């Protein structure tokens, strides 16, 4: 099974493309994109309804979301390792190799929670109002998804229109989460 790492290129890209590829390696993997959407969904679902939220609510959302993404990550690592091990044609293939592959491929799922957790952490320690922390977290996920959608087409030297379309389509996954939060919890 091949990696989705866009850094595996025979040509030496310029500095800007190298930075974009480094970002892609960390957040732009399928596991990273999926993790971003899952994390936003858990934040939206655990943040409650229209009532006024306080610091303890923000801390609850942060802890619940982080624990949930770790559980999803563990399930993703397990299923990836199982699938990789089962697909390996070598009879003597080691489970350790499959696990190493799965850990490498699944890292983006955990990394996806870093940026959206910042406003939740700021709300949990009282720097931001709890509700604002939740909304900033959700809109940051939309921004991250849109950026990833843009970058994948940009790194492949597609026209700007394709890059913008990629950003809009990918960002819409985060917007759907926000729409679901507002319609189901208010």
C-alpha atoms as a PDB file:
ATOM      1  CA  UNK A   1       0.000   0.000   0.000  1.00  0.00           C
ATOM      2  CA  UNK A   2       1.333   3.396  -0.920  1.00  0.00           C
ATOM      3  CA  UNK A   3       1.390   6.418   1.324  1.00  0.00           C
ATOM      4  CA  UNK A   4      -0.573   9.558   0.486  1.00  0.00           C
ATOM      5  CA  UNK A   5       2.597  11.593   1.220  1.00  0.00           C
ATOM      6  CA  UNK A   6       3.027  14.189  -1.498  1.00  0.00           C
ATOM      7  CA  UNK A   7       6.615  14.723  -0.344  1.00  0.00           C
ATOM      8  CA  UNK A   8       7.572  11.592  -2.276  1.00  0.00           C
ATOM      9  CA  UNK A   9       8.559  13.389  -5.436  1.00  0.00           C
ATOM     10  CA  UNK A  10      11.571  12.924  -7.657  1.00  0.00           C
ATOM     11  CA  UNK A  11      11.738  16.621  -8.495  1.00  0.00           C
ATOM     12  CA  UNK A  12      12.958  19.139  -5.945  1.00  0.00           C
ATOM     13  CA  UNK A  13      10.121  21.624  -5.447  1.00  0.00           C
ATOM     14  CA  UNK A  14      10.649  25.275  -4.614  1.00  0.00           C
ATOM     15  CA  UNK A  15      10.515  26.607  -1.051  1.00  0.00           C
ATOM     16  CA  UNK A  16       6.823  27.549  -1.131  1.00  0.00           C
ATOM     17  CA  UNK A  17       5.757  24.181  -2.477  1.00  0.00           C
ATOM     18  CA  UNK A  18       7.975  22.450   0.092  1.00  0.00           C
ATOM     19  CA  UNK A  19       6.150  24.279   2.919  1.00  0.00           C
ATOM     20  CA  UNK A  20       2.781  23.395   1.391  1.00  0.00           C
ATOM     21  CA  UNK A  21       3.813  19.759   1.127  1.00  0.00           C
ATOM     22  CA  UNK A  22       4.991  19.760   4.738  1.00  0.00           C
ATOM     23  CA  UNK A  23       1.583  21.087   5.803  1.00  0.00           C
ATOM     24  CA  UNK A  24      -0.084  18.499   3.593  1.00  0.00           C
ATOM     25  CA  UNK A  25       1.936  15.680   5.186  1.00  0.00           C
ATOM     26  CA  UNK A  26       0.684  16.663   8.607  1.00  0.00           C
ATOM     27  CA  UNK A  27      -2.899  17.727   8.011  1.00  0.00           C
ATOM     28  CA  UNK A  28      -3.713  16.851   4.439  1.00  0.00           C
ATOM     29  CA  UNK A  29      -3.719  13.085   4.639  1.00  0.00           C
ATOM     30  CA  UNK A  30      -7.047  11.280   4.341  1.00  0.00           C
ATOM     31  CA  UNK A  31      -6.825  10.577   8.087  1.00  0.00           C
ATOM     32  CA  UNK A  32      -6.130  14.258   8.778  1.00  0.00           C
ATOM     33  CA  UNK A  33      -9.063  15.485   6.721  1.00  0.00           C
ATOM     34  CA  UNK A  34     -11.338  12.855   8.212  1.00  0.00           C
ATOM     35  CA  UNK A  35     -10.032  13.725  11.698  1.00  0.00           C
ATOM     36  CA  UNK A  36     -10.784  17.409  11.145  1.00  0.00           C
ATOM     37  CA  UNK A  37     -14.371  16.638  10.187  1.00  0.00           C
ATOM     38  CA  UNK A  38     -14.824  14.167  13.059  1.00  0.00           C
ATOM     39  CA  UNK A  39     -13.337  16.597  15.574  1.00  0.00           C
ATOM     40  CA  UNK A  40     -15.641  19.403  14.401  1.00  0.00           C
ATOM     41  CA  UNK A  41     -18.611  17.046  14.615  1.00  0.00           C
ATOM     42  CA  UNK A  42     -17.756  16.039  18.180  1.00  0.00           C
ATOM     43  CA  UNK A  43     -17.238  19.687  19.190  1.00  0.00           C
ATOM     44  CA  UNK A  44     -20.600  20.601  17.649  1.00  0.00           C
ATOM     45  CA  UNK A  45     -22.429  17.688  19.257  1.00  0.00           C
ATOM     46  CA  UNK A  46     -20.908  18.124  22.707  1.00  0.00           C
ATOM     47  CA  UNK A  47     -21.224  21.900  22.924  1.00  0.00           C
ATOM     48  CA  UNK A  48     -24.862  21.951  23.920  1.00  0.00           C
ATOM     49  CA  UNK A  49     -27.726  24.078  22.776  1.00  0.00           C
ATOM     50  CA  UNK A  50     -28.797  27.683  23.069  1.00  0.00           C
ATOM     51  CA  UNK A  51     -28.220  28.067  26.806  1.00  0.00           C
ATOM     52  CA  UNK A  52     -25.410  30.288  28.090  1.00  0.00           C
ATOM     53  CA  UNK A  53     -22.148  28.377  28.418  1.00  0.00           C
ATOM     54  CA  UNK A  54     -19.399  28.913  30.988  1.00  0.00           C
ATOM     55  CA  UNK A  55     -15.772  27.855  31.498  1.00  0.00           C
ATOM     56  CA  UNK A  56     -16.681  24.392  32.770  1.00  0.00           C
ATOM     57  CA  UNK A  57     -18.775  23.819  29.639  1.00  0.00           C
ATOM     58  CA  UNK A  58     -15.803  24.785  27.457  1.00  0.00           C
ATOM     59  CA  UNK A  59     -13.544  22.453  29.431  1.00  0.00           C
ATOM     60  CA  UNK A  60     -16.117  19.661  29.044  1.00  0.00           C
ATOM     61  CA  UNK A  61     -16.273  20.195  25.262  1.00  0.00           C
ATOM     62  CA  UNK A  62     -12.461  20.264  25.013  1.00  0.00           C
ATOM     63  CA  UNK A  63     -11.898  17.116  27.090  1.00  0.00           C
ATOM     64  CA  UNK A  64     -14.759  15.193  25.496  1.00  0.00           C
ATOM     65  CA  UNK A  65     -13.599  16.150  21.992  1.00  0.00           C
ATOM     66  CA  UNK A  66      -9.964  15.258  22.662  1.00  0.00           C
ATOM     67  CA  UNK A  67     -10.866  11.907  24.230  1.00  0.00           C
ATOM     68  CA  UNK A  68     -13.219  11.169  21.327  1.00  0.00           C
ATOM     69  CA  UNK A  69     -10.598  11.931  18.672  1.00  0.00           C
ATOM     70  CA  UNK A  70      -8.103   9.682  20.489  1.00  0.00           C
ATOM     71  CA  UNK A  71     -10.648   6.845  20.475  1.00  0.00           C
ATOM     72  CA  UNK A  72     -11.369   7.406  16.766  1.00  0.00           C
ATOM     73  CA  UNK A  73      -7.598   7.524  16.116  1.00  0.00           C
ATOM     74  CA  UNK A  74      -7.052   4.219  17.946  1.00  0.00           C
ATOM     75  CA  UNK A  75      -9.848   2.614  15.907  1.00  0.00           C
ATOM     76  CA  UNK A  76      -8.334   4.046  12.731  1.00  0.00           C
ATOM     77  CA  UNK A  77      -4.857   2.745  13.617  1.00  0.00           C
ATOM     78  CA  UNK A  78      -6.255  -0.686  14.399  1.00  0.00           C
ATOM     79  CA  UNK A  79      -8.329  -0.936  11.224  1.00  0.00           C
ATOM     80  CA  UNK A  80      -5.490   0.390   9.051  1.00  0.00           C
ATOM     81  CA  UNK A  81      -3.006  -2.058  10.594  1.00  0.00           C
ATOM     82  CA  UNK A  82      -5.441  -4.918  10.194  1.00  0.00           C
ATOM     83  CA  UNK A  83      -6.140  -4.032   6.573  1.00  0.00           C
ATOM     84  CA  UNK A  84      -2.450  -3.520   5.763  1.00  0.00           C
ATOM     85  CA  UNK A  85      -1.473  -6.775   7.439  1.00  0.00           C
ATOM     86  CA  UNK A  86      -4.250  -8.690   5.687  1.00  0.00           C
ATOM     87  CA  UNK A  87      -3.311  -7.218   2.297  1.00  0.00           C
ATOM     88  CA  UNK A  88       0.384  -8.112   2.661  1.00  0.00           C
ATOM     89  CA  UNK A  89       1.172 -11.031   0.348  1.00  0.00           C
ATOM     90  CA  UNK A  90       4.157 -12.186   2.394  1.00  0.00           C
ATOM     91  CA  UNK A  91       3.322 -15.063   4.727  1.00  0.00           C
ATOM     92  CA  UNK A  92       5.959 -13.993   7.238  1.00  0.00           C
ATOM     93  CA  UNK A  93       4.821 -10.361   7.380  1.00  0.00           C
ATOM     94  CA  UNK A  94       5.103  -8.933  10.849  1.00  0.00           C
ATOM     95  CA  UNK A  95       2.276  -7.297  12.728  1.00  0.00           C
ATOM     96  CA  UNK A  96       4.812  -4.708  13.928  1.00  0.00           C
ATOM     97  CA  UNK A  97       5.343  -3.541  10.328  1.00  0.00           C
ATOM     98  CA  UNK A  98       1.598  -3.209   9.803  1.00  0.00           C
ATOM     99  CA  UNK A  99       1.273  -1.262  13.052  1.00  0.00           C
ATOM    100  CA  UNK A 100       4.148   1.040  12.081  1.00  0.00           C
ATOM    101  CA  UNK A 101       2.486   1.717   8.740  1.00  0.00           C
ATOM    102  CA  UNK A 102      -0.845   2.395  10.450  1.00  0.00           C
ATOM    103  CA  UNK A 103       0.687   4.795  12.974  1.00  0.00           C
ATOM    104  CA  UNK A 104       2.412   6.707  10.175  1.00  0.00           C
ATOM    105  CA  UNK A 105      -0.735   6.904   8.050  1.00  0.00           C
ATOM    106  CA  UNK A 106      -3.051   7.828  10.952  1.00  0.00           C
ATOM    107  CA  UNK A 107      -1.010  10.573  12.612  1.00  0.00           C
ATOM    108  CA  UNK A 108      -2.878  13.332  10.811  1.00  0.00           C
ATOM    109  CA  UNK A 109      -6.065  12.387  12.622  1.00  0.00           C
ATOM    110  CA  UNK A 110      -4.587  13.470  15.961  1.00  0.00           C
ATOM    111  CA  UNK A 111      -2.818  16.482  14.475  1.00  0.00           C
ATOM    112  CA  UNK A 112      -6.136  17.670  13.050  1.00  0.00           C
ATOM    113  CA  UNK A 113      -7.352  18.438  16.578  1.00  0.00           C
ATOM    114  CA  UNK A 114      -4.525  20.849  17.432  1.00  0.00           C
ATOM    115  CA  UNK A 115      -5.672  24.088  15.771  1.00  0.00           C
ATOM    116  CA  UNK A 116      -9.412  23.759  16.582  1.00  0.00           C
ATOM    117  CA  UNK A 117      -8.533  22.990  20.212  1.00  0.00           C
ATOM    118  CA  UNK A 118      -6.824  26.347  20.754  1.00  0.00           C
ATOM    119  CA  UNK A 119     -10.013  28.440  21.079  1.00  0.00           C
ATOM    120  CA  UNK A 120     -11.566  25.725  23.262  1.00  0.00           C
ATOM    121  CA  UNK A 121      -8.524  25.818  25.539  1.00  0.00           C
ATOM    122  CA  UNK A 122      -8.668  29.629  25.676  1.00  0.00           C
ATOM    123  CA  UNK A 123     -12.355  29.393  26.617  1.00  0.00           C
ATOM    124  CA  UNK A 124     -11.671  26.696  29.225  1.00  0.00           C
ATOM    125  CA  UNK A 125      -9.135  28.936  31.000  1.00  0.00           C
ATOM    126  CA  UNK A 126     -11.417  31.969  30.798  1.00  0.00           C
ATOM    127  CA  UNK A 127      -9.681  34.076  28.139  1.00  0.00           C
ATOM    128  CA  UNK A 128     -12.567  33.678  25.690  1.00  0.00           C
ATOM    129  CA  UNK A 129     -16.276  33.253  26.404  1.00  0.00           C
ATOM    130  CA  UNK A 130     -17.221  29.562  26.110  1.00  0.00           C
ATOM    131  CA  UNK A 131     -19.660  30.026  23.249  1.00  0.00           C
ATOM    132  CA  UNK A 132     -17.157  32.062  21.273  1.00  0.00           C
ATOM    133  CA  UNK A 133     -14.513  29.389  21.811  1.00  0.00           C
ATOM    134  CA  UNK A 134     -16.830  26.739  20.369  1.00  0.00           C
ATOM    135  CA  UNK A 135     -17.771  28.840  17.342  1.00  0.00           C
ATOM    136  CA  UNK A 136     -14.150  29.804  16.668  1.00  0.00           C
ATOM    137  CA  UNK A 137     -13.190  26.150  16.868  1.00  0.00           C
ATOM    138  CA  UNK A 138     -15.867  25.191  14.349  1.00  0.00           C
ATOM    139  CA  UNK A 139     -15.041  28.005  11.925  1.00  0.00           C
ATOM    140  CA  UNK A 140     -11.332  27.187  12.187  1.00  0.00           C
ATOM    141  CA  UNK A 141     -12.127  23.693  10.985  1.00  0.00           C
ATOM    142  CA  UNK A 142     -13.946  25.179   7.980  1.00  0.00           C
ATOM    143  CA  UNK A 143     -10.917  27.353   7.282  1.00  0.00           C
ATOM    144  CA  UNK A 144      -8.513  24.405   7.645  1.00  0.00           C
ATOM    145  CA  UNK A 145     -10.596  22.216   5.361  1.00  0.00           C
ATOM    146  CA  UNK A 146     -10.842  24.981   2.757  1.00  0.00           C
ATOM    147  CA  UNK A 147      -7.096  25.575   2.939  1.00  0.00           C
ATOM    148  CA  UNK A 148      -6.411  21.868   2.452  1.00  0.00           C
ATOM    149  CA  UNK A 149      -8.813  21.723  -0.483  1.00  0.00           C
ATOM    150  CA  UNK A 150      -7.064  24.685  -2.071  1.00  0.00           C
ATOM    151  CA  UNK A 151      -3.529  23.421  -1.434  1.00  0.00           C
ATOM    152  CA  UNK A 152      -3.985  19.979  -2.959  1.00  0.00           C
ATOM    153  CA  UNK A 153      -4.964  21.504  -6.295  1.00  0.00           C
ATOM    154  CA  UNK A 154      -2.367  24.275  -6.016  1.00  0.00           C
ATOM    155  CA  UNK A 155       0.446  21.771  -5.403  1.00  0.00           C
ATOM    156  CA  UNK A 156      -0.626  19.968  -8.570  1.00  0.00           C
ATOM    157  CA  UNK A 157      -0.377  23.284 -10.502  1.00  0.00           C
ATOM    158  CA  UNK A 158      -4.077  23.405 -11.318  1.00  0.00           C
ATOM    159  CA  UNK A 159      -5.700  26.688 -12.398  1.00  0.00           C
ATOM    160  CA  UNK A 160      -6.842  29.019  -9.629  1.00  0.00           C
ATOM    161  CA  UNK A 161     -10.494  28.250 -10.387  1.00  0.00           C
ATOM    162  CA  UNK A 162      -9.897  24.562  -9.589  1.00  0.00           C
ATOM    163  CA  UNK A 163      -8.035  25.531  -6.415  1.00  0.00           C
ATOM    164  CA  UNK A 164     -10.936  27.723  -5.284  1.00  0.00           C
ATOM    165  CA  UNK A 165     -13.472  25.023  -6.156  1.00  0.00           C
ATOM    166  CA  UNK A 166     -11.433  22.525  -4.122  1.00  0.00           C
ATOM    167  CA  UNK A 167     -11.419  24.967  -1.201  1.00  0.00           C
ATOM    168  CA  UNK A 168     -15.174  25.531  -1.376  1.00  0.00           C
ATOM    169  CA  UNK A 169     -16.082  21.861  -1.682  1.00  0.00           C
ATOM    170  CA  UNK A 170     -13.749  20.763   1.122  1.00  0.00           C
ATOM    171  CA  UNK A 171     -14.777  23.663   3.372  1.00  0.00           C
ATOM    172  CA  UNK A 172     -18.443  22.761   2.865  1.00  0.00           C
ATOM    173  CA  UNK A 173     -17.938  19.639   4.997  1.00  0.00           C
ATOM    174  CA  UNK A 174     -17.231  21.936   7.951  1.00  0.00           C
ATOM    175  CA  UNK A 175     -20.136  24.205   7.036  1.00  0.00           C
ATOM    176  CA  UNK A 176     -22.477  21.192   7.046  1.00  0.00           C
ATOM    177  CA  UNK A 177     -21.332  20.409  10.606  1.00  0.00           C
ATOM    178  CA  UNK A 178     -22.099  24.002  11.646  1.00  0.00           C
ATOM    179  CA  UNK A 179     -25.515  23.931   9.943  1.00  0.00           C
ATOM    180  CA  UNK A 180     -26.336  20.667  11.700  1.00  0.00           C
ATOM    181  CA  UNK A 181     -25.284  22.159  15.049  1.00  0.00           C
ATOM    182  CA  UNK A 182     -27.453  25.238  14.611  1.00  0.00           C
ATOM    183  CA  UNK A 183     -30.519  23.394  13.322  1.00  0.00           C
ATOM    184  CA  UNK A 184     -30.427  20.457  15.703  1.00  0.00           C
ATOM    185  CA  UNK A 185     -29.472  22.237  18.914  1.00  0.00           C
ATOM    186  CA  UNK A 186     -31.453  25.471  18.726  1.00  0.00           C
END
